[in-house]
Amino acid sequence: MYTVKRLVLMVVAALLSFQLPAKTALVVIAHGSPSQDWNNNVLALESRLDQVDLPGISYKRVALMEFAQPNIASVMRDCEQHQIDTVFALPLFISPSGHSEDDIPNILGLKYHPAVRRELLAEGTEMVHTQMHVITGPTLMESGVIEKAMTQRVKRLSKNPAQEAVIFLAHGDPDRIGFWKRILEHCTEAVKAEGFDYVDYQLVGMGQRFVQDVTPLLDRARGQKESVIVQGIYLVSSVGAMARMSGMGNRKADHIVYGEEGILPQSVDDVMEWIVKTTSEWTAGK
């Protein structure tokens, strides 16, 4: 009897000490938009990720921070259901910003900033409560993807670089202006290397602010060059659509051409390469 009892206790102890292998998920997090076309261009990355073998990664998802589903909290619950232990959360943002450095860490429970949380909750954001270990990654800023994509867009719109001015526009975080200035300057250097000697840039607002911010840049450029290429540094959004919404239109009669493409979907291969490279570097070093 004693021997049987002892064997039972040994089996129970062995079962209690047995641990399943740790499982790690990659969750790519983008901003999200009221436009389903915008969201679809980002969510399409998930099927691309499913086709890639990432050693050390058991599960791959894409989440949207706001405006649409799947949101961050729902994707994290899904990870829990897949018995994930660790999540590598990779923010698909052009630059470090309030979204990548404050909003997302607070949503994930990695930071506690009362004012940020109050604002998120007022917007209806669902907060994450999890026992999973969560690590956040970098933005696109140092990837080289932005400069390459912007150069490709400008060259596609160009007919004669010597007679064309290039203007880059972006919606930057004024609290992190240094990051945006670096991105804008890198894009400027990249297109100048392609023969464009007049390049200007500006962080711009939306609506009427767009008109007020962009008009002086156009006037200066038209005083120097025969035509102007205006390209937006956006993940998906089109600066051409923004111009039309603001009433500026596509001023071909004034030899002003607005870019209609962001980074996605045209540069999806480059974005995927960055995701895979960054995730692989993290898994190799963790």
C-alpha atoms as a PDB file:
ATOM      1  CA  MET A   1       0.000   0.000   0.000  1.00  0.00           C
ATOM      2  CA  TYR A   2       2.783   2.354   0.934  1.00  0.00           C
ATOM      3  CA  THR A   3       4.587   1.578  -2.332  1.00  0.00           C
ATOM      4  CA  VAL A   4       1.483   2.274  -4.422  1.00  0.00           C
ATOM      5  CA  LYS A   5       0.872   5.551  -2.603  1.00  0.00           C
ATOM      6  CA  ARG A   6       4.473   6.547  -3.114  1.00  0.00           C
ATOM      7  CA  LEU A   7       4.264   5.752  -6.829  1.00  0.00           C
ATOM      8  CA  VAL A   8       1.104   7.843  -7.164  1.00  0.00           C
ATOM      9  CA  LEU A   9       2.804  10.781  -5.465  1.00  0.00           C
ATOM     10  CA  MET A  10       5.821  10.434  -7.759  1.00  0.00           C
ATOM     11  CA  VAL A  11       3.586  10.419 -10.838  1.00  0.00           C
ATOM     12  CA  VAL A  12       1.694  13.503  -9.624  1.00  0.00           C
ATOM     13  CA  ALA A  13       4.966  15.306  -8.911  1.00  0.00           C
ATOM     14  CA  ALA A  14       6.238  14.426 -12.366  1.00  0.00           C
ATOM     15  CA  LEU A  15       3.043  15.706 -13.988  1.00  0.00           C
ATOM     16  CA  LEU A  16       3.210  18.936 -12.009  1.00  0.00           C
ATOM     17  CA  SER A  17       6.822  19.499 -13.031  1.00  0.00           C
ATOM     18  CA  PHE A  18       6.093  18.807 -16.687  1.00  0.00           C
ATOM     19  CA  GLN A  19       5.987  21.975 -18.783  1.00  0.00           C
ATOM     20  CA  LEU A  20       4.897  22.387 -22.360  1.00  0.00           C
ATOM     21  CA  PRO A  21       7.415  24.067 -24.686  1.00  0.00           C
ATOM     22  CA  ALA A  22       7.155  27.870 -24.628  1.00  0.00           C
ATOM     23  CA  LYS A  23       5.229  29.349 -27.534  1.00  0.00           C
ATOM     24  CA  THR A  24       5.887  32.790 -28.997  1.00  0.00           C
ATOM     25  CA  ALA A  25       3.644  34.929 -31.204  1.00  0.00           C
ATOM     26  CA  LEU A  26       4.393  37.813 -33.554  1.00  0.00           C
ATOM     27  CA  VAL A  27       1.713  40.505 -33.522  1.00  0.00           C
ATOM     28  CA  VAL A  28       2.149  43.319 -36.064  1.00  0.00           C
ATOM     29  CA  ILE A  29       0.234  46.389 -34.883  1.00  0.00           C
ATOM     30  CA  ALA A  30      -0.854  49.183 -37.247  1.00  0.00           C
ATOM     31  CA  HIS A  31      -2.882  52.315 -36.566  1.00  0.00           C
ATOM     32  CA  GLY A  32      -6.145  51.382 -38.269  1.00  0.00           C
ATOM     33  CA  SER A  33      -8.484  53.615 -40.250  1.00  0.00           C
ATOM     34  CA  PRO A  34     -12.189  54.327 -40.887  1.00  0.00           C
ATOM     35  CA  SER A  35     -11.364  53.310 -44.476  1.00  0.00           C
ATOM     36  CA  GLN A  36     -11.710  49.569 -44.991  1.00  0.00           C
ATOM     37  CA  ASP A  37      -9.415  49.779 -48.028  1.00  0.00           C
ATOM     38  CA  TRP A  38      -6.690  51.186 -45.748  1.00  0.00           C
ATOM     39  CA  ASN A  39      -7.231  48.391 -43.235  1.00  0.00           C
ATOM     40  CA  ASN A  40      -7.309  45.688 -45.909  1.00  0.00           C
ATOM     41  CA  ASN A  41      -3.880  46.712 -47.182  1.00  0.00           C
ATOM     42  CA  VAL A  42      -2.449  46.159 -43.703  1.00  0.00           C
ATOM     43  CA  LEU A  43      -4.460  43.058 -42.779  1.00  0.00           C
ATOM     44  CA  ALA A  44      -3.266  41.423 -46.011  1.00  0.00           C
ATOM     45  CA  LEU A  45       0.128  41.099 -44.341  1.00  0.00           C
ATOM     46  CA  GLU A  46      -1.256  38.306 -42.158  1.00  0.00           C
ATOM     47  CA  SER A  47      -1.667  35.891 -45.069  1.00  0.00           C
ATOM     48  CA  ARG A  48       1.825  36.804 -46.243  1.00  0.00           C
ATOM     49  CA  LEU A  49       3.200  36.081 -42.766  1.00  0.00           C
ATOM     50  CA  ASP A  50       1.509  32.677 -42.774  1.00  0.00           C
ATOM     51  CA  GLN A  51       3.642  31.748 -45.779  1.00  0.00           C
ATOM     52  CA  VAL A  52       6.919  32.628 -44.033  1.00  0.00           C
ATOM     53  CA  ASP A  53       8.813  30.289 -41.733  1.00  0.00           C
ATOM     54  CA  LEU A  54       9.979  32.258 -38.696  1.00  0.00           C
ATOM     55  CA  PRO A  55      11.994  30.010 -36.357  1.00  0.00           C
ATOM     56  CA  GLY A  56      10.925  30.584 -32.770  1.00  0.00           C
ATOM     57  CA  ILE A  57       7.527  32.016 -33.741  1.00  0.00           C
ATOM     58  CA  SER A  58       4.506  29.746 -33.251  1.00  0.00           C
ATOM     59  CA  TYR A  59       1.729  32.148 -34.227  1.00  0.00           C
ATOM     60  CA  LYS A  60       1.404  35.313 -36.346  1.00  0.00           C
ATOM     61  CA  ARG A  61      -1.295  37.962 -36.317  1.00  0.00           C
ATOM     62  CA  VAL A  62      -1.982  41.553 -37.400  1.00  0.00           C
ATOM     63  CA  ALA A  63      -3.898  43.940 -35.114  1.00  0.00           C
ATOM     64  CA  LEU A  64      -5.290  47.464 -35.544  1.00  0.00           C
ATOM     65  CA  MET A  65      -4.963  50.025 -32.776  1.00  0.00           C
ATOM     66  CA  GLU A  66      -8.215  51.865 -33.471  1.00  0.00           C
ATOM     67  CA  PHE A  67     -11.194  52.352 -35.807  1.00  0.00           C
ATOM     68  CA  ALA A  68     -11.480  48.710 -36.879  1.00  0.00           C
ATOM     69  CA  GLN A  69     -11.198  45.049 -36.002  1.00  0.00           C
ATOM     70  CA  PRO A  70      -9.294  42.980 -35.119  1.00  0.00           C
ATOM     71  CA  ASN A  71      -8.183  45.302 -32.329  1.00  0.00           C
ATOM     72  CA  ILE A  72      -5.198  44.699 -30.094  1.00  0.00           C
ATOM     73  CA  ALA A  73      -7.166  43.254 -27.192  1.00  0.00           C
ATOM     74  CA  SER A  74      -9.019  40.699 -29.349  1.00  0.00           C
ATOM     75  CA  VAL A  75      -5.784  39.525 -30.985  1.00  0.00           C
ATOM     76  CA  MET A  76      -4.104  39.172 -27.596  1.00  0.00           C
ATOM     77  CA  ARG A  77      -7.029  37.063 -26.344  1.00  0.00           C
ATOM     78  CA  ASP A  78      -6.625  34.925 -29.447  1.00  0.00           C
ATOM     79  CA  CYS A  79      -2.949  34.475 -28.587  1.00  0.00           C
ATOM     80  CA  GLU A  80      -3.937  33.319 -25.094  1.00  0.00           C
ATOM     81  CA  GLN A  81      -6.318  30.763 -26.594  1.00  0.00           C
ATOM     82  CA  HIS A  82      -3.374  29.453 -28.625  1.00  0.00           C
ATOM     83  CA  GLN A  83      -1.436  29.060 -25.345  1.00  0.00           C
ATOM     84  CA  ILE A  84       1.141  31.681 -26.263  1.00  0.00           C
ATOM     85  CA  ASP A  85       3.672  32.527 -23.552  1.00  0.00           C
ATOM     86  CA  THR A  86       5.438  35.510 -25.152  1.00  0.00           C
ATOM     87  CA  VAL A  87       4.274  38.087 -27.697  1.00  0.00           C
ATOM     88  CA  PHE A  88       6.596  40.145 -29.867  1.00  0.00           C
ATOM     89  CA  ALA A  89       4.501  43.233 -30.684  1.00  0.00           C
ATOM     90  CA  LEU A  90       5.903  45.022 -33.725  1.00  0.00           C
ATOM     91  CA  PRO A  91       4.463  48.520 -34.373  1.00  0.00           C
ATOM     92  CA  LEU A  92       3.989  49.102 -38.102  1.00  0.00           C
ATOM     93  CA  PHE A  93       4.407  52.870 -37.840  1.00  0.00           C
ATOM     94  CA  ILE A  94       6.698  55.102 -39.868  1.00  0.00           C
ATOM     95  CA  SER A  95       8.253  56.850 -36.869  1.00  0.00           C
ATOM     96  CA  PRO A  96       8.283  56.617 -33.080  1.00  0.00           C
ATOM     97  CA  SER A  97       5.204  58.556 -32.012  1.00  0.00           C
ATOM     98  CA  GLY A  98       2.674  58.968 -29.257  1.00  0.00           C
ATOM     99  CA  HIS A  99       0.914  55.925 -30.711  1.00  0.00           C
ATOM    100  CA  SER A 100       3.948  53.623 -30.694  1.00  0.00           C
ATOM    101  CA  GLU A 101       5.567  54.919 -27.499  1.00  0.00           C
ATOM    102  CA  ASP A 102       2.525  55.729 -25.318  1.00  0.00           C
ATOM    103  CA  ASP A 103      -0.798  54.422 -26.641  1.00  0.00           C
ATOM    104  CA  ILE A 104       0.239  50.892 -27.594  1.00  0.00           C
ATOM    105  CA  PRO A 105       2.346  50.250 -24.443  1.00  0.00           C
ATOM    106  CA  ASN A 106      -0.540  51.475 -22.282  1.00  0.00           C
ATOM    107  CA  ILE A 107      -3.047  49.313 -24.172  1.00  0.00           C
ATOM    108  CA  LEU A 108      -0.757  46.303 -23.711  1.00  0.00           C
ATOM    109  CA  GLY A 109      -0.242  47.020 -20.013  1.00  0.00           C
ATOM    110  CA  LEU A 110       3.474  47.719 -20.432  1.00  0.00           C
ATOM    111  CA  LYS A 111       3.089  51.314 -19.244  1.00  0.00           C
ATOM    112  CA  TYR A 112       0.825  53.094 -16.854  1.00  0.00           C
ATOM    113  CA  HIS A 113       0.164  56.714 -17.750  1.00  0.00           C
ATOM    114  CA  PRO A 114      -3.144  57.897 -16.239  1.00  0.00           C
ATOM    115  CA  ALA A 115      -3.773  60.688 -18.768  1.00  0.00           C
ATOM    116  CA  VAL A 116      -3.027  58.455 -21.748  1.00  0.00           C
ATOM    117  CA  ARG A 117      -5.259  55.705 -20.372  1.00  0.00           C
ATOM    118  CA  ARG A 118      -8.116  58.095 -19.703  1.00  0.00           C
ATOM    119  CA  GLU A 119      -7.935  59.340 -23.276  1.00  0.00           C
ATOM    120  CA  LEU A 120      -7.813  55.815 -24.680  1.00  0.00           C
ATOM    121  CA  LEU A 121     -10.777  54.699 -22.584  1.00  0.00           C
ATOM    122  CA  ALA A 122     -12.739  57.804 -23.611  1.00  0.00           C
ATOM    123  CA  GLU A 123     -12.165  56.757 -27.230  1.00  0.00           C
ATOM    124  CA  GLY A 124     -13.560  53.308 -26.458  1.00  0.00           C
ATOM    125  CA  THR A 125     -10.213  51.521 -26.609  1.00  0.00           C
ATOM    126  CA  GLU A 126     -10.215  48.068 -25.045  1.00  0.00           C
ATOM    127  CA  MET A 127      -7.274  47.552 -22.687  1.00  0.00           C
ATOM    128  CA  VAL A 128      -5.304  44.306 -22.479  1.00  0.00           C
ATOM    129  CA  HIS A 129      -5.088  42.253 -19.279  1.00  0.00           C
ATOM    130  CA  THR A 130      -2.818  39.279 -19.783  1.00  0.00           C
ATOM    131  CA  GLN A 131      -0.241  37.092 -18.092  1.00  0.00           C
ATOM    132  CA  MET A 132       1.651  36.700 -21.355  1.00  0.00           C
ATOM    133  CA  HIS A 133       5.092  38.282 -21.566  1.00  0.00           C
ATOM    134  CA  VAL A 134       4.951  41.129 -24.113  1.00  0.00           C
ATOM    135  CA  ILE A 135       7.934  42.761 -25.834  1.00  0.00           C
ATOM    136  CA  THR A 136       7.549  45.696 -28.229  1.00  0.00           C
ATOM    137  CA  GLY A 137       9.742  46.212 -31.286  1.00  0.00           C
ATOM    138  CA  PRO A 138      10.895  49.208 -33.349  1.00  0.00           C
ATOM    139  CA  THR A 139       9.071  51.242 -35.983  1.00  0.00           C
ATOM    140  CA  LEU A 140       9.948  51.440 -39.688  1.00  0.00           C
ATOM    141  CA  MET A 141      12.165  54.493 -39.199  1.00  0.00           C
ATOM    142  CA  GLU A 142      15.564  52.780 -39.351  1.00  0.00           C
ATOM    143  CA  SER A 143      14.523  50.064 -41.801  1.00  0.00           C
ATOM    144  CA  GLY A 144      15.441  51.759 -45.088  1.00  0.00           C
ATOM    145  CA  VAL A 145      11.965  50.866 -46.385  1.00  0.00           C
ATOM    146  CA  ILE A 146      10.682  54.450 -46.249  1.00  0.00           C
ATOM    147  CA  GLU A 147      13.483  56.032 -48.289  1.00  0.00           C
ATOM    148  CA  LYS A 148      13.357  53.246 -50.880  1.00  0.00           C
ATOM    149  CA  ALA A 149       9.570  53.460 -51.247  1.00  0.00           C
ATOM    150  CA  MET A 150       9.525  57.255 -51.527  1.00  0.00           C
ATOM    151  CA  THR A 151      12.273  57.231 -54.161  1.00  0.00           C
ATOM    152  CA  GLN A 152      10.333  54.658 -56.182  1.00  0.00           C
ATOM    153  CA  ARG A 153       7.126  56.713 -55.978  1.00  0.00           C
ATOM    154  CA  VAL A 154       8.831  59.937 -57.056  1.00  0.00           C
ATOM    155  CA  LYS A 155      10.658  58.295 -59.962  1.00  0.00           C
ATOM    156  CA  ARG A 156       7.403  56.774 -61.167  1.00  0.00           C
ATOM    157  CA  LEU A 157       5.786  60.223 -61.274  1.00  0.00           C
ATOM    158  CA  SER A 158       8.805  61.927 -62.838  1.00  0.00           C
ATOM    159  CA  LYS A 159       9.363  62.865 -66.455  1.00  0.00           C
ATOM    160  CA  ASN A 160      12.415  65.130 -66.209  1.00  0.00           C
ATOM    161  CA  PRO A 161      14.135  65.389 -62.787  1.00  0.00           C
ATOM    162  CA  ALA A 162      16.134  68.455 -63.789  1.00  0.00           C
ATOM    163  CA  GLN A 163      12.925  70.437 -64.324  1.00  0.00           C
ATOM    164  CA  GLU A 164      10.943  69.047 -61.404  1.00  0.00           C
ATOM    165  CA  ALA A 165      10.629  70.024 -57.775  1.00  0.00           C
ATOM    166  CA  VAL A 166       9.827  67.353 -55.208  1.00  0.00           C
ATOM    167  CA  ILE A 167       7.827  68.060 -52.050  1.00  0.00           C
ATOM    168  CA  PHE A 168       7.425  65.464 -49.303  1.00  0.00           C
ATOM    169  CA  LEU A 169       4.497  65.753 -46.916  1.00  0.00           C
ATOM    170  CA  ALA A 170       3.840  63.869 -43.674  1.00  0.00           C
ATOM    171  CA  HIS A 171       1.616  63.969 -40.599  1.00  0.00           C
ATOM    172  CA  GLY A 172       4.253  63.996 -37.885  1.00  0.00           C
ATOM    173  CA  ASP A 173       4.117  63.966 -34.118  1.00  0.00           C
ATOM    174  CA  PRO A 174       5.232  67.485 -33.072  1.00  0.00           C
ATOM    175  CA  ASP A 175       6.444  66.104 -29.737  1.00  0.00           C
ATOM    176  CA  ARG A 176       8.905  63.902 -31.616  1.00  0.00           C
ATOM    177  CA  ILE A 177       9.846  66.274 -34.414  1.00  0.00           C
ATOM    178  CA  GLY A 178      13.474  65.126 -34.376  1.00  0.00           C
ATOM    179  CA  PHE A 179      12.527  61.679 -35.651  1.00  0.00           C
ATOM    180  CA  TRP A 180      10.436  63.147 -38.451  1.00  0.00           C
ATOM    181  CA  LYS A 181      13.120  65.605 -39.499  1.00  0.00           C
ATOM    182  CA  ARG A 182      15.544  62.700 -39.798  1.00  0.00           C
ATOM    183  CA  ILE A 183      13.085  60.725 -41.959  1.00  0.00           C
ATOM    184  CA  LEU A 184      12.342  63.723 -44.183  1.00  0.00           C
ATOM    185  CA  GLU A 185      16.029  64.512 -44.580  1.00  0.00           C
ATOM    186  CA  HIS A 186      16.829  60.887 -45.445  1.00  0.00           C
ATOM    187  CA  CYS A 187      14.111  60.889 -48.111  1.00  0.00           C
ATOM    188  CA  THR A 188      15.458  64.185 -49.427  1.00  0.00           C
ATOM    189  CA  GLU A 189      18.973  62.768 -49.731  1.00  0.00           C
ATOM    190  CA  ALA A 190      17.650  59.629 -51.441  1.00  0.00           C
ATOM    191  CA  VAL A 191      15.800  61.484 -54.231  1.00  0.00           C
ATOM    192  CA  LYS A 192      18.598  64.003 -54.683  1.00  0.00           C
ATOM    193  CA  ALA A 193      20.863  61.054 -55.445  1.00  0.00           C
ATOM    194  CA  GLU A 194      18.476  60.304 -58.332  1.00  0.00           C
ATOM    195  CA  GLY A 195      18.981  63.725 -59.950  1.00  0.00           C
ATOM    196  CA  PHE A 196      16.287  65.866 -58.289  1.00  0.00           C
ATOM    197  CA  ASP A 197      18.043  69.028 -57.110  1.00  0.00           C
ATOM    198  CA  TYR A 198      14.996  70.813 -55.625  1.00  0.00           C
ATOM    199  CA  VAL A 199      13.467  68.948 -52.672  1.00  0.00           C
ATOM    200  CA  ASP A 200      11.349  70.469 -49.914  1.00  0.00           C
ATOM    201  CA  TYR A 201       9.267  68.972 -47.120  1.00  0.00           C
ATOM    202  CA  GLN A 202       6.706  69.826 -44.478  1.00  0.00           C
ATOM    203  CA  LEU A 203       4.717  68.269 -41.661  1.00  0.00           C
ATOM    204  CA  VAL A 204       1.133  69.140 -42.541  1.00  0.00           C
ATOM    205  CA  GLY A 205      -2.340  69.099 -41.033  1.00  0.00           C
ATOM    206  CA  MET A 206      -5.623  67.908 -42.498  1.00  0.00           C
ATOM    207  CA  GLY A 207      -8.525  69.748 -44.128  1.00  0.00           C
ATOM    208  CA  GLN A 208      -8.055  73.508 -44.262  1.00  0.00           C
ATOM    209  CA  ARG A 209      -4.715  73.166 -42.517  1.00  0.00           C
ATOM    210  CA  PHE A 210      -3.563  71.087 -45.462  1.00  0.00           C
ATOM    211  CA  VAL A 211      -4.206  73.998 -47.833  1.00  0.00           C
ATOM    212  CA  GLN A 212      -2.519  76.512 -45.546  1.00  0.00           C
ATOM    213  CA  ASP A 213       0.531  74.301 -45.002  1.00  0.00           C
ATOM    214  CA  VAL A 214       1.029  73.158 -48.589  1.00  0.00           C
ATOM    215  CA  THR A 215       0.290  76.310 -50.630  1.00  0.00           C
ATOM    216  CA  PRO A 216       3.503  78.199 -49.651  1.00  0.00           C
ATOM    217  CA  LEU A 217       5.587  75.135 -50.559  1.00  0.00           C
ATOM    218  CA  LEU A 218       3.919  74.918 -53.973  1.00  0.00           C
ATOM    219  CA  ASP A 219       4.391  78.636 -54.639  1.00  0.00           C
ATOM    220  CA  ARG A 220       8.108  78.455 -53.839  1.00  0.00           C
ATOM    221  CA  ALA A 221       8.600  75.348 -55.949  1.00  0.00           C
ATOM    222  CA  ARG A 222       6.714  76.777 -58.936  1.00  0.00           C
ATOM    223  CA  GLY A 223       9.023  79.761 -58.817  1.00  0.00           C
ATOM    224  CA  GLN A 224      12.022  77.494 -59.337  1.00  0.00           C
ATOM    225  CA  LYS A 225      10.876  74.560 -61.460  1.00  0.00           C
ATOM    226  CA  GLU A 226       8.515  73.856 -64.352  1.00  0.00           C
ATOM    227  CA  SER A 227       6.570  71.179 -62.477  1.00  0.00           C
ATOM    228  CA  VAL A 228       6.114  69.839 -58.958  1.00  0.00           C
ATOM    229  CA  ILE A 229       5.780  66.299 -57.618  1.00  0.00           C
ATOM    230  CA  VAL A 230       4.072  66.105 -54.222  1.00  0.00           C
ATOM    231  CA  GLN A 231       4.526  62.786 -52.440  1.00  0.00           C
ATOM    232  CA  GLY A 232       3.171  61.814 -49.019  1.00  0.00           C
ATOM    233  CA  ILE A 233       5.192  59.771 -46.545  1.00  0.00           C
ATOM    234  CA  TYR A 234       2.341  57.581 -45.345  1.00  0.00           C
ATOM    235  CA  LEU A 235       1.926  53.876 -44.706  1.00  0.00           C
ATOM    236  CA  VAL A 236      -1.149  53.549 -46.937  1.00  0.00           C
ATOM    237  CA  SER A 237      -2.834  56.941 -47.311  1.00  0.00           C
ATOM    238  CA  SER A 238      -2.727  58.926 -50.552  1.00  0.00           C
ATOM    239  CA  VAL A 239      -1.629  62.561 -50.567  1.00  0.00           C
ATOM    240  CA  GLY A 240      -3.583  62.931 -53.805  1.00  0.00           C
ATOM    241  CA  ALA A 241      -6.790  61.993 -51.995  1.00  0.00           C
ATOM    242  CA  MET A 242      -5.940  64.465 -49.229  1.00  0.00           C
ATOM    243  CA  ALA A 243      -5.458  67.240 -51.778  1.00  0.00           C
ATOM    244  CA  ARG A 244      -8.794  66.488 -53.400  1.00  0.00           C
ATOM    245  CA  MET A 245     -10.579  66.383 -50.039  1.00  0.00           C
ATOM    246  CA  SER A 246      -9.125  69.789 -49.162  1.00  0.00           C
ATOM    247  CA  GLY A 247     -10.307  71.276 -52.474  1.00  0.00           C
ATOM    248  CA  MET A 248      -6.868  71.601 -54.052  1.00  0.00           C
ATOM    249  CA  GLY A 249      -7.410  68.814 -56.562  1.00  0.00           C
ATOM    250  CA  ASN A 250      -4.817  67.405 -58.910  1.00  0.00           C
ATOM    251  CA  ARG A 251      -3.502  70.612 -60.440  1.00  0.00           C
ATOM    252  CA  LYS A 252      -2.145  69.205 -63.696  1.00  0.00           C
ATOM    253  CA  ALA A 253      -2.827  72.511 -65.439  1.00  0.00           C
ATOM    254  CA  ASP A 254      -0.329  74.059 -63.004  1.00  0.00           C
ATOM    255  CA  HIS A 255       2.054  71.142 -63.581  1.00  0.00           C
ATOM    256  CA  ILE A 256       1.517  69.887 -60.031  1.00  0.00           C
ATOM    257  CA  VAL A 257       1.148  66.129 -59.601  1.00  0.00           C
ATOM    258  CA  TYR A 258       0.166  64.501 -56.321  1.00  0.00           C
ATOM    259  CA  GLY A 259       1.275  60.972 -55.502  1.00  0.00           C
ATOM    260  CA  GLU A 260      -1.558  58.481 -55.100  1.00  0.00           C
ATOM    261  CA  GLU A 261       0.408  55.756 -53.304  1.00  0.00           C
ATOM    262  CA  GLY A 262       1.787  55.233 -49.825  1.00  0.00           C
ATOM    263  CA  ILE A 263       4.244  52.547 -48.746  1.00  0.00           C
ATOM    264  CA  LEU A 264       1.642  49.761 -48.906  1.00  0.00           C
ATOM    265  CA  PRO A 265       0.667  47.846 -50.920  1.00  0.00           C
ATOM    266  CA  GLN A 266       3.331  48.636 -53.518  1.00  0.00           C
ATOM    267  CA  SER A 267       6.277  48.025 -51.152  1.00  0.00           C
ATOM    268  CA  VAL A 268       4.768  45.036 -49.379  1.00  0.00           C
ATOM    269  CA  ASP A 269       7.801  42.862 -50.153  1.00  0.00           C
ATOM    270  CA  ASP A 270      10.132  45.376 -48.491  1.00  0.00           C
ATOM    271  CA  VAL A 271       7.840  45.686 -45.469  1.00  0.00           C
ATOM    272  CA  MET A 272       7.680  41.910 -45.170  1.00  0.00           C
ATOM    273  CA  GLU A 273      11.462  41.671 -45.381  1.00  0.00           C
ATOM    274  CA  TRP A 274      11.750  44.174 -42.516  1.00  0.00           C
ATOM    275  CA  ILE A 275       9.202  42.294 -40.389  1.00  0.00           C
ATOM    276  CA  VAL A 276      10.980  38.985 -40.919  1.00  0.00           C
ATOM    277  CA  LYS A 277      14.453  40.436 -40.346  1.00  0.00           C
ATOM    278  CA  THR A 278      13.460  42.326 -37.188  1.00  0.00           C
ATOM    279  CA  THR A 279      11.566  39.380 -35.716  1.00  0.00           C
ATOM    280  CA  SER A 280      14.377  36.950 -36.536  1.00  0.00           C
ATOM    281  CA  GLU A 281      16.935  39.219 -34.862  1.00  0.00           C
ATOM    282  CA  TRP A 282      14.765  39.416 -31.775  1.00  0.00           C
ATOM    283  CA  THR A 283      14.165  35.675 -31.523  1.00  0.00           C
ATOM    284  CA  ALA A 284      17.880  35.006 -32.022  1.00  0.00           C
ATOM    285  CA  GLY A 285      18.801  37.295 -29.143  1.00  0.00           C
ATOM    286  CA  LYS A 286      16.034  36.672 -26.626  1.00  0.00           C
END
